[in-house]
Amino acid sequence: MNENEKAILEIIEACSQNTHLFDIIKDITKLDNGERYKLRRMASQVLNKNNGIDKEAIKFYYVVTEQGVAEEILRRIQSSETKT
């Protein structure tokens, strides 16, 4: 399992426990690539890379702003909801 896949699975698990994260994912799917890049850049400027929690938040924003990743997370969450 590659690093992105591991992060995606962690994000899916977190979204199942925190609807606010799920809302962030849905909002990111509506952004174009330029807007995603701006969001990623803002996150890296605002968050502290030396703080553990902020470091995880930066990782979250870097992963979910990659092209197609937020859509894949949303697809998997919706797919698992359909199965249950």
Protein backbone atom coordinates (compact mmCIF):
# COMPACT_ATOMS: atom_id res chain seq x y z
CA MET A 1 0.00 0.00 0.00
CA ASN A 2 1.53 3.31 -1.03
CA GLU A 3 1.65 6.38 1.20
CA ASN A 4 -1.25 8.16 -0.54
CA GLU A 5 -3.49 5.09 -0.28
CA LYS A 6 -2.73 4.82 3.44
CA ALA A 7 -3.57 8.52 3.91
CA ILE A 8 -6.79 8.11 1.89
CA LEU A 9 -7.91 5.24 4.12
CA GLU A 10 -7.12 7.29 7.23
CA ILE A 11 -9.11 10.23 5.85
CA ILE A 12 -12.08 8.00 5.02
CA GLU A 13 -12.02 6.65 8.59
CA ALA A 14 -11.78 10.18 10.01
CA CYS A 15 -14.69 11.35 7.82
CA SER A 16 -16.86 8.58 9.22
CA GLN A 17 -16.27 10.00 12.71
CA ASN A 18 -16.28 13.72 11.86
CA THR A 19 -18.86 15.13 9.48
CA HIS A 20 -16.96 18.44 9.31
CA LEU A 21 -14.07 16.66 7.55
CA PHE A 22 -16.56 15.06 5.18
CA ASP A 23 -17.95 18.52 4.38
CA ILE A 24 -14.41 19.75 3.63
CA ILE A 25 -13.91 16.86 1.20
CA LYS A 26 -17.21 17.69 -0.54
CA ASP A 27 -16.21 21.35 -0.81
CA ILE A 28 -12.80 20.46 -2.26
CA THR A 29 -14.43 18.37 -5.00
CA LYS A 30 -16.08 21.59 -6.22
CA LEU A 31 -12.74 23.41 -6.64
CA ASP A 32 -10.74 23.49 -9.85
CA ASN A 33 -7.02 22.65 -9.80
CA GLY A 34 -5.96 26.29 -9.42
CA GLU A 35 -8.20 26.79 -6.41
CA ARG A 36 -6.93 23.54 -4.89
CA TYR A 37 -3.36 24.71 -5.29
CA LYS A 38 -4.22 28.02 -3.56
CA LEU A 39 -5.84 26.10 -0.69
CA ARG A 40 -2.77 23.88 -0.36
CA ARG A 41 -0.47 26.90 -0.36
CA MET A 42 -2.59 28.69 2.24
CA ALA A 43 -2.61 25.64 4.50
CA SER A 44 1.18 25.38 4.36
CA GLN A 45 1.54 29.08 5.18
CA VAL A 46 -0.97 29.15 8.04
CA LEU A 47 -0.22 25.84 9.72
CA ASN A 48 2.94 25.19 11.75
CA LYS A 49 5.03 22.38 10.25
CA ASN A 50 6.64 21.70 13.65
CA ASN A 51 3.37 21.19 15.53
CA GLY A 52 2.13 17.57 15.35
CA ILE A 53 -1.54 18.43 14.84
CA ASP A 54 -0.77 21.11 12.25
CA LYS A 55 1.60 18.72 10.49
CA GLU A 56 -1.26 16.21 10.16
CA ALA A 57 -3.54 18.97 8.87
CA ILE A 58 -0.96 19.95 6.24
CA LYS A 59 -0.70 16.30 5.18
CA PHE A 60 -4.52 16.14 4.96
CA TYR A 61 -4.69 19.22 2.72
CA TYR A 62 -1.81 18.05 0.53
CA VAL A 63 -3.45 14.68 -0.06
CA VAL A 64 -7.02 15.87 -0.63
CA THR A 65 -6.00 18.67 -2.98
CA GLU A 66 -4.20 16.25 -5.32
CA GLN A 67 -6.09 15.88 -8.58
CA GLY A 68 -8.87 13.31 -8.23
CA VAL A 69 -8.15 12.34 -4.61
CA ALA A 70 -11.08 14.19 -2.99
CA GLU A 71 -13.38 12.71 -5.62
CA GLU A 72 -12.05 9.22 -4.90
CA ILE A 73 -12.56 9.67 -1.15
CA LEU A 74 -16.11 10.90 -1.74
CA ARG A 75 -16.81 7.99 -4.10
CA ARG A 76 -15.56 5.42 -1.57
CA ILE A 77 -17.54 6.94 1.30
CA GLN A 78 -20.72 7.07 -0.76
CA SER A 79 -20.10 3.53 -2.01
CA SER A 80 -19.71 2.19 1.53
CA GLU A 81 -22.88 4.03 2.62
CA THR A 82 -24.79 2.37 -0.21
CA LYS A 83 -23.61 -1.08 0.89
CA THR A 84 -24.82 -0.61 4.47
